[in-house]
Amino acid sequence: MLIVLRNIENSHVLFFDAEYSEGFLIQFSGILLKKIEENIFQISKSLNTYVKMPETVKVNNFIKNFTGITDSYLETFGLSLEESKTIVEELINIDEKDLLVVSHGLTNDRRVLLDNEINLYEDCNGNEIRGICTYNMAKRILKREKRLKLEDIANESGLFITNDHNAFTDAWATIAIFSFLCKKEEEGLNEKLLQSKRD
């Protein structure tokens, strides 16, 4: 699958989402894209992992209803936090140093991951990882304060999600809205350029 991302200089882009309960990571999903030519990316790797909670902590009822993730599901299919951390690090262990990470609520997602010992602020060599928040990007480009939820913008971009609040679905939705917003931004810049030439 080829994905158009306009005006992105990075060679790799990781779209990710995380679900958590009581501050503990319970699901991480990431889709790593690699640039193959100008503005064209393809999927390099993807990951969807569930994480077991500590034995003394249970998934709270709001999160169960919100995500559909239960304690028994995590006990059956979840990995330990250490195992999850290792496979996330393998996902972002790329030769190039110009990884870009993108999520819808980047500040919160990175903070929760860091609290769970997964660092998406720096690579293994201590280089800063650049990040873009599609929520803030949408607010700026679409020039509005409401209807900025992931589902709203995904629908506007043409992707209708039926299983939102699942990290893997939300990571895909983030790809769709980022591509959509990059296109909208480019169209806005082109319109300004044409207007200045007319003036």
C-alpha atoms as a PDB file:
ATOM      1  CA  MET A   1       0.000   0.000   0.000  1.00  0.00           C
ATOM      2  CA  LEU A   2       1.315   3.429  -0.961  1.00  0.00           C
ATOM      3  CA  ILE A   3       0.395   6.484   1.081  1.00  0.00           C
ATOM      4  CA  VAL A   4       0.765  10.104  -0.002  1.00  0.00           C
ATOM      5  CA  LEU A   5       2.216  12.426   2.651  1.00  0.00           C
ATOM      6  CA  ARG A   6       3.035  15.787   1.171  1.00  0.00           C
ATOM      7  CA  ASN A   7       6.069  17.858   2.155  1.00  0.00           C
ATOM      8  CA  ILE A   8       7.447  15.455   4.787  1.00  0.00           C
ATOM      9  CA  GLU A   9      11.230  15.461   4.788  1.00  0.00           C
ATOM     10  CA  ASN A  10      11.636  12.552   7.223  1.00  0.00           C
ATOM     11  CA  SER A  11      12.475   9.149   5.776  1.00  0.00           C
ATOM     12  CA  HIS A  12      10.300   7.313   8.334  1.00  0.00           C
ATOM     13  CA  VAL A  13       7.018   8.249  10.000  1.00  0.00           C
ATOM     14  CA  LEU A  14       5.532   6.314  12.908  1.00  0.00           C
ATOM     15  CA  PHE A  15       1.791   6.710  13.412  1.00  0.00           C
ATOM     16  CA  PHE A  16       0.803   5.426  16.812  1.00  0.00           C
ATOM     17  CA  ASP A  17      -1.893   5.317  19.445  1.00  0.00           C
ATOM     18  CA  ALA A  18      -2.025   4.036  23.009  1.00  0.00           C
ATOM     19  CA  GLU A  19      -4.822   2.957  25.313  1.00  0.00           C
ATOM     20  CA  TYR A  20      -4.275   2.973  29.058  1.00  0.00           C
ATOM     21  CA  SER A  21      -6.070   2.547  32.369  1.00  0.00           C
ATOM     22  CA  GLU A  22      -5.063   4.080  35.697  1.00  0.00           C
ATOM     23  CA  GLY A  23      -1.871   5.311  33.989  1.00  0.00           C
ATOM     24  CA  PHE A  24      -0.885   1.785  32.896  1.00  0.00           C
ATOM     25  CA  LEU A  25      -0.447   1.048  29.205  1.00  0.00           C
ATOM     26  CA  ILE A  26      -2.887  -1.623  28.029  1.00  0.00           C
ATOM     27  CA  GLN A  27      -2.558  -1.362  24.215  1.00  0.00           C
ATOM     28  CA  PHE A  28       0.030   0.107  21.870  1.00  0.00           C
ATOM     29  CA  SER A  29      -0.277   0.200  18.102  1.00  0.00           C
ATOM     30  CA  GLY A  30       2.172   1.644  15.643  1.00  0.00           C
ATOM     31  CA  ILE A  31       2.413   1.734  11.856  1.00  0.00           C
ATOM     32  CA  LEU A  32       5.849   2.672  10.515  1.00  0.00           C
ATOM     33  CA  LEU A  33       6.000   4.159   7.035  1.00  0.00           C
ATOM     34  CA  LYS A  34       9.155   4.460   4.940  1.00  0.00           C
ATOM     35  CA  LYS A  35       9.617   7.066   2.211  1.00  0.00           C
ATOM     36  CA  ILE A  36      10.206   5.465  -1.195  1.00  0.00           C
ATOM     37  CA  GLU A  37      10.057   8.627  -3.279  1.00  0.00           C
ATOM     38  CA  GLU A  38       9.047  12.263  -2.906  1.00  0.00           C
ATOM     39  CA  ASN A  39       5.701  12.444  -1.055  1.00  0.00           C
ATOM     40  CA  ILE A  40       5.198   8.641  -1.341  1.00  0.00           C
ATOM     41  CA  PHE A  41       5.484   6.291   1.636  1.00  0.00           C
ATOM     42  CA  GLN A  42       4.841   2.597   2.118  1.00  0.00           C
ATOM     43  CA  ILE A  43       4.311   0.470   5.193  1.00  0.00           C
ATOM     44  CA  SER A  44       7.585  -0.822   6.577  1.00  0.00           C
ATOM     45  CA  LYS A  45       6.366  -2.426   9.834  1.00  0.00           C
ATOM     46  CA  SER A  46       3.307  -2.484  12.044  1.00  0.00           C
ATOM     47  CA  LEU A  47       2.624  -3.498  15.611  1.00  0.00           C
ATOM     48  CA  ASN A  48      -0.431  -4.064  17.762  1.00  0.00           C
ATOM     49  CA  THR A  49       0.289  -5.247  21.300  1.00  0.00           C
ATOM     50  CA  TYR A  50      -1.771  -5.579  24.437  1.00  0.00           C
ATOM     51  CA  VAL A  51      -0.082  -5.170  27.811  1.00  0.00           C
ATOM     52  CA  LYS A  52      -0.904  -6.972  31.047  1.00  0.00           C
ATOM     53  CA  MET A  53      -1.679  -4.741  34.001  1.00  0.00           C
ATOM     54  CA  PRO A  54      -0.052  -5.352  37.396  1.00  0.00           C
ATOM     55  CA  GLU A  55      -1.900  -8.098  39.288  1.00  0.00           C
ATOM     56  CA  THR A  56      -3.178  -5.668  41.918  1.00  0.00           C
ATOM     57  CA  VAL A  57      -4.691  -3.252  39.368  1.00  0.00           C
ATOM     58  CA  LYS A  58      -7.835  -3.754  37.269  1.00  0.00           C
ATOM     59  CA  VAL A  59      -8.991  -2.007  34.098  1.00  0.00           C
ATOM     60  CA  ASN A  60     -11.474   0.612  35.245  1.00  0.00           C
ATOM     61  CA  ASN A  61     -15.078   0.388  34.058  1.00  0.00           C
ATOM     62  CA  PHE A  62     -14.924   3.559  31.962  1.00  0.00           C
ATOM     63  CA  ILE A  63     -11.943   2.208  29.989  1.00  0.00           C
ATOM     64  CA  LYS A  64     -13.614  -1.214  29.599  1.00  0.00           C
ATOM     65  CA  ASN A  65     -16.674   0.461  28.077  1.00  0.00           C
ATOM     66  CA  PHE A  66     -14.565   2.930  26.078  1.00  0.00           C
ATOM     67  CA  THR A  67     -12.160   0.389  24.524  1.00  0.00           C
ATOM     68  CA  GLY A  68     -13.732  -3.021  25.025  1.00  0.00           C
ATOM     69  CA  ILE A  69     -10.488  -4.182  26.670  1.00  0.00           C
ATOM     70  CA  THR A  70     -11.096  -6.309  29.773  1.00  0.00           C
ATOM     71  CA  ASP A  71      -8.867  -7.781  32.461  1.00  0.00           C
ATOM     72  CA  SER A  72      -9.466 -11.301  31.161  1.00  0.00           C
ATOM     73  CA  TYR A  73      -8.545 -10.235  27.614  1.00  0.00           C
ATOM     74  CA  LEU A  74      -5.273  -8.723  28.833  1.00  0.00           C
ATOM     75  CA  GLU A  75      -4.534 -11.779  30.954  1.00  0.00           C
ATOM     76  CA  THR A  76      -5.070 -14.062  27.954  1.00  0.00           C
ATOM     77  CA  PHE A  77      -3.516 -12.001  25.146  1.00  0.00           C
ATOM     78  CA  GLY A  78      -1.383  -9.355  26.858  1.00  0.00           C
ATOM     79  CA  LEU A  79       2.392  -9.290  27.013  1.00  0.00           C
ATOM     80  CA  SER A  80       4.399  -8.054  29.951  1.00  0.00           C
ATOM     81  CA  LEU A  81       5.388  -4.385  29.905  1.00  0.00           C
ATOM     82  CA  GLU A  82       9.027  -5.421  29.410  1.00  0.00           C
ATOM     83  CA  GLU A  83       8.144  -7.546  26.364  1.00  0.00           C
ATOM     84  CA  SER A  84       6.022  -4.743  24.936  1.00  0.00           C
ATOM     85  CA  LYS A  85       8.786  -2.203  25.501  1.00  0.00           C
ATOM     86  CA  THR A  86      11.234  -4.446  23.608  1.00  0.00           C
ATOM     87  CA  ILE A  87       9.007  -4.849  20.554  1.00  0.00           C
ATOM     88  CA  VAL A  88       8.205  -1.120  20.423  1.00  0.00           C
ATOM     89  CA  GLU A  89      11.942  -0.377  20.515  1.00  0.00           C
ATOM     90  CA  GLU A  90      12.457  -2.888  17.681  1.00  0.00           C
ATOM     91  CA  LEU A  91       9.728  -1.128  15.687  1.00  0.00           C
ATOM     92  CA  ILE A  92      11.482   2.245  15.864  1.00  0.00           C
ATOM     93  CA  ASN A  93      15.050   0.888  15.622  1.00  0.00           C
ATOM     94  CA  ILE A  94      15.835   2.206  12.150  1.00  0.00           C
ATOM     95  CA  ASP A  95      19.126   3.230  10.579  1.00  0.00           C
ATOM     96  CA  GLU A  96      18.066   6.757   9.767  1.00  0.00           C
ATOM     97  CA  LYS A  97      17.936   9.340  12.537  1.00  0.00           C
ATOM     98  CA  ASP A  98      15.077  11.321  11.072  1.00  0.00           C
ATOM     99  CA  LEU A  99      12.072   9.491  12.502  1.00  0.00           C
ATOM    100  CA  LEU A 100       8.870  11.515  12.815  1.00  0.00           C
ATOM    101  CA  VAL A 101       6.166  10.344  15.249  1.00  0.00           C
ATOM    102  CA  VAL A 102       2.521  11.323  14.785  1.00  0.00           C
ATOM    103  CA  SER A 103      -0.496  10.812  17.030  1.00  0.00           C
ATOM    104  CA  HIS A 104      -3.808  12.482  17.811  1.00  0.00           C
ATOM    105  CA  GLY A 105      -2.941  13.868  21.239  1.00  0.00           C
ATOM    106  CA  LEU A 106       0.833  13.562  21.014  1.00  0.00           C
ATOM    107  CA  THR A 107       1.765  15.239  24.300  1.00  0.00           C
ATOM    108  CA  ASN A 108      -0.471  12.983  26.375  1.00  0.00           C
ATOM    109  CA  ASP A 109       0.417   9.807  24.421  1.00  0.00           C
ATOM    110  CA  ARG A 110       4.164  10.376  24.743  1.00  0.00           C
ATOM    111  CA  ARG A 111       3.872  11.210  28.441  1.00  0.00           C
ATOM    112  CA  VAL A 112       1.870   8.061  29.238  1.00  0.00           C
ATOM    113  CA  LEU A 113       4.295   5.939  27.232  1.00  0.00           C
ATOM    114  CA  LEU A 114       7.262   7.473  29.031  1.00  0.00           C
ATOM    115  CA  ASP A 115       5.589   6.750  32.373  1.00  0.00           C
ATOM    116  CA  ASN A 116       5.466   3.143  31.126  1.00  0.00           C
ATOM    117  CA  GLU A 117       9.189   3.201  30.193  1.00  0.00           C
ATOM    118  CA  ILE A 118       8.645   3.611  26.429  1.00  0.00           C
ATOM    119  CA  ASN A 119      10.503   6.678  25.190  1.00  0.00           C
ATOM    120  CA  LEU A 120       9.220   8.313  22.009  1.00  0.00           C
ATOM    121  CA  TYR A 121      11.009  11.579  22.810  1.00  0.00           C
ATOM    122  CA  GLU A 122      14.509  10.280  21.995  1.00  0.00           C
ATOM    123  CA  ASP A 123      15.958   7.439  19.947  1.00  0.00           C
ATOM    124  CA  CYS A 124      18.418   4.895  21.363  1.00  0.00           C
ATOM    125  CA  ASN A 125      21.307   7.287  20.579  1.00  0.00           C
ATOM    126  CA  GLY A 126      19.763  10.182  22.513  1.00  0.00           C
ATOM    127  CA  ASN A 127      18.672  12.070  19.376  1.00  0.00           C
ATOM    128  CA  GLU A 128      15.409  13.974  19.700  1.00  0.00           C
ATOM    129  CA  ILE A 129      12.475  12.425  17.849  1.00  0.00           C
ATOM    130  CA  ARG A 130      10.370  15.079  16.153  1.00  0.00           C
ATOM    131  CA  GLY A 131       6.618  14.768  16.702  1.00  0.00           C
ATOM    132  CA  ILE A 132       3.401  16.141  15.230  1.00  0.00           C
ATOM    133  CA  CYS A 133       0.024  16.166  16.950  1.00  0.00           C
ATOM    134  CA  THR A 134      -2.822  15.789  14.446  1.00  0.00           C
ATOM    135  CA  TYR A 135      -5.260  17.353  16.940  1.00  0.00           C
ATOM    136  CA  ASN A 136      -3.228  20.600  17.041  1.00  0.00           C
ATOM    137  CA  MET A 137      -2.570  20.394  13.306  1.00  0.00           C
ATOM    138  CA  ALA A 138      -6.309  20.067  12.587  1.00  0.00           C
ATOM    139  CA  LYS A 139      -7.118  22.968  14.885  1.00  0.00           C
ATOM    140  CA  ARG A 140      -4.648  25.171  12.984  1.00  0.00           C
ATOM    141  CA  ILE A 141      -5.447  24.068   9.428  1.00  0.00           C
ATOM    142  CA  LEU A 142      -9.222  23.633   9.757  1.00  0.00           C
ATOM    143  CA  LYS A 143      -9.445  26.819  11.859  1.00  0.00           C
ATOM    144  CA  ARG A 144     -11.988  25.576  14.371  1.00  0.00           C
ATOM    145  CA  GLU A 145     -12.266  24.742  18.044  1.00  0.00           C
ATOM    146  CA  LYS A 146     -14.860  21.939  17.830  1.00  0.00           C
ATOM    147  CA  ARG A 147     -15.294  18.681  15.898  1.00  0.00           C
ATOM    148  CA  LEU A 148     -11.613  17.854  16.322  1.00  0.00           C
ATOM    149  CA  LYS A 149     -11.993  14.319  17.665  1.00  0.00           C
ATOM    150  CA  LEU A 150     -10.170  11.641  15.728  1.00  0.00           C
ATOM    151  CA  GLU A 151     -13.444  10.184  14.462  1.00  0.00           C
ATOM    152  CA  ASP A 152     -14.699  13.602  13.257  1.00  0.00           C
ATOM    153  CA  ILE A 153     -11.623  14.370  11.187  1.00  0.00           C
ATOM    154  CA  ALA A 154     -11.296  10.784   9.931  1.00  0.00           C
ATOM    155  CA  ASN A 155     -14.867  11.007   8.620  1.00  0.00           C
ATOM    156  CA  GLU A 156     -14.054  14.342   6.985  1.00  0.00           C
ATOM    157  CA  SER A 157     -11.044  12.758   5.282  1.00  0.00           C
ATOM    158  CA  GLY A 158     -13.239   9.964   3.907  1.00  0.00           C
ATOM    159  CA  LEU A 159     -12.400   7.221   6.421  1.00  0.00           C
ATOM    160  CA  PHE A 160     -15.369   6.019   8.443  1.00  0.00           C
ATOM    161  CA  ILE A 161     -14.180   4.138  11.518  1.00  0.00           C
ATOM    162  CA  THR A 162     -16.468   1.732  13.320  1.00  0.00           C
ATOM    163  CA  ASN A 163     -14.116   0.601  16.078  1.00  0.00           C
ATOM    164  CA  ASP A 164     -12.662   3.829  17.464  1.00  0.00           C
ATOM    165  CA  HIS A 165     -10.839   3.707  20.782  1.00  0.00           C
ATOM    166  CA  ASN A 166      -8.971   0.651  19.588  1.00  0.00           C
ATOM    167  CA  ALA A 167      -5.356   1.730  19.234  1.00  0.00           C
ATOM    168  CA  PHE A 168      -4.786  -0.125  15.942  1.00  0.00           C
ATOM    169  CA  THR A 169      -7.890   1.387  14.306  1.00  0.00           C
ATOM    170  CA  ASP A 170      -6.942   4.805  15.673  1.00  0.00           C
ATOM    171  CA  ALA A 171      -3.392   4.535  14.307  1.00  0.00           C
ATOM    172  CA  TRP A 172      -4.856   3.900  10.828  1.00  0.00           C
ATOM    173  CA  ALA A 173      -7.260   6.799  11.278  1.00  0.00           C
ATOM    174  CA  THR A 174      -4.308   9.024  12.216  1.00  0.00           C
ATOM    175  CA  ILE A 175      -2.604   8.143   8.918  1.00  0.00           C
ATOM    176  CA  ALA A 176      -5.764   9.112   7.015  1.00  0.00           C
ATOM    177  CA  ILE A 177      -6.229  12.433   8.766  1.00  0.00           C
ATOM    178  CA  PHE A 178      -2.530  13.350   8.607  1.00  0.00           C
ATOM    179  CA  SER A 179      -2.500  12.754   4.842  1.00  0.00           C
ATOM    180  CA  PHE A 180      -5.731  14.753   4.551  1.00  0.00           C
ATOM    181  CA  LEU A 181      -4.367  17.641   6.639  1.00  0.00           C
ATOM    182  CA  CYS A 182      -1.065  17.733   4.704  1.00  0.00           C
ATOM    183  CA  LYS A 183      -3.081  18.043   1.489  1.00  0.00           C
ATOM    184  CA  LYS A 184      -5.295  20.782   2.959  1.00  0.00           C
ATOM    185  CA  GLU A 185      -2.242  22.675   4.168  1.00  0.00           C
ATOM    186  CA  GLU A 186      -0.610  22.481   0.741  1.00  0.00           C
ATOM    187  CA  GLU A 187      -3.826  23.663  -0.922  1.00  0.00           C
ATOM    188  CA  GLY A 188      -3.975  26.627   1.466  1.00  0.00           C
ATOM    189  CA  LEU A 189      -0.372  27.583   0.710  1.00  0.00           C
ATOM    190  CA  ASN A 190      -0.996  27.309  -3.047  1.00  0.00           C
ATOM    191  CA  GLU A 191      -4.083  29.507  -2.726  1.00  0.00           C
ATOM    192  CA  LYS A 192      -2.070  32.166  -0.870  1.00  0.00           C
ATOM    193  CA  LEU A 193       0.621  32.005  -3.544  1.00  0.00           C
ATOM    194  CA  LEU A 194      -1.940  32.480  -6.334  1.00  0.00           C
ATOM    195  CA  GLN A 195      -3.562  35.345  -4.438  1.00  0.00           C
ATOM    196  CA  SER A 196      -0.217  37.127  -3.993  1.00  0.00           C
ATOM    197  CA  LYS A 197       0.485  36.771  -7.726  1.00  0.00           C
ATOM    198  CA  ARG A 198      -2.929  38.298  -8.520  1.00  0.00           C
ATOM    199  CA  ASP A 199      -2.211  41.218  -6.170  1.00  0.00           C
END
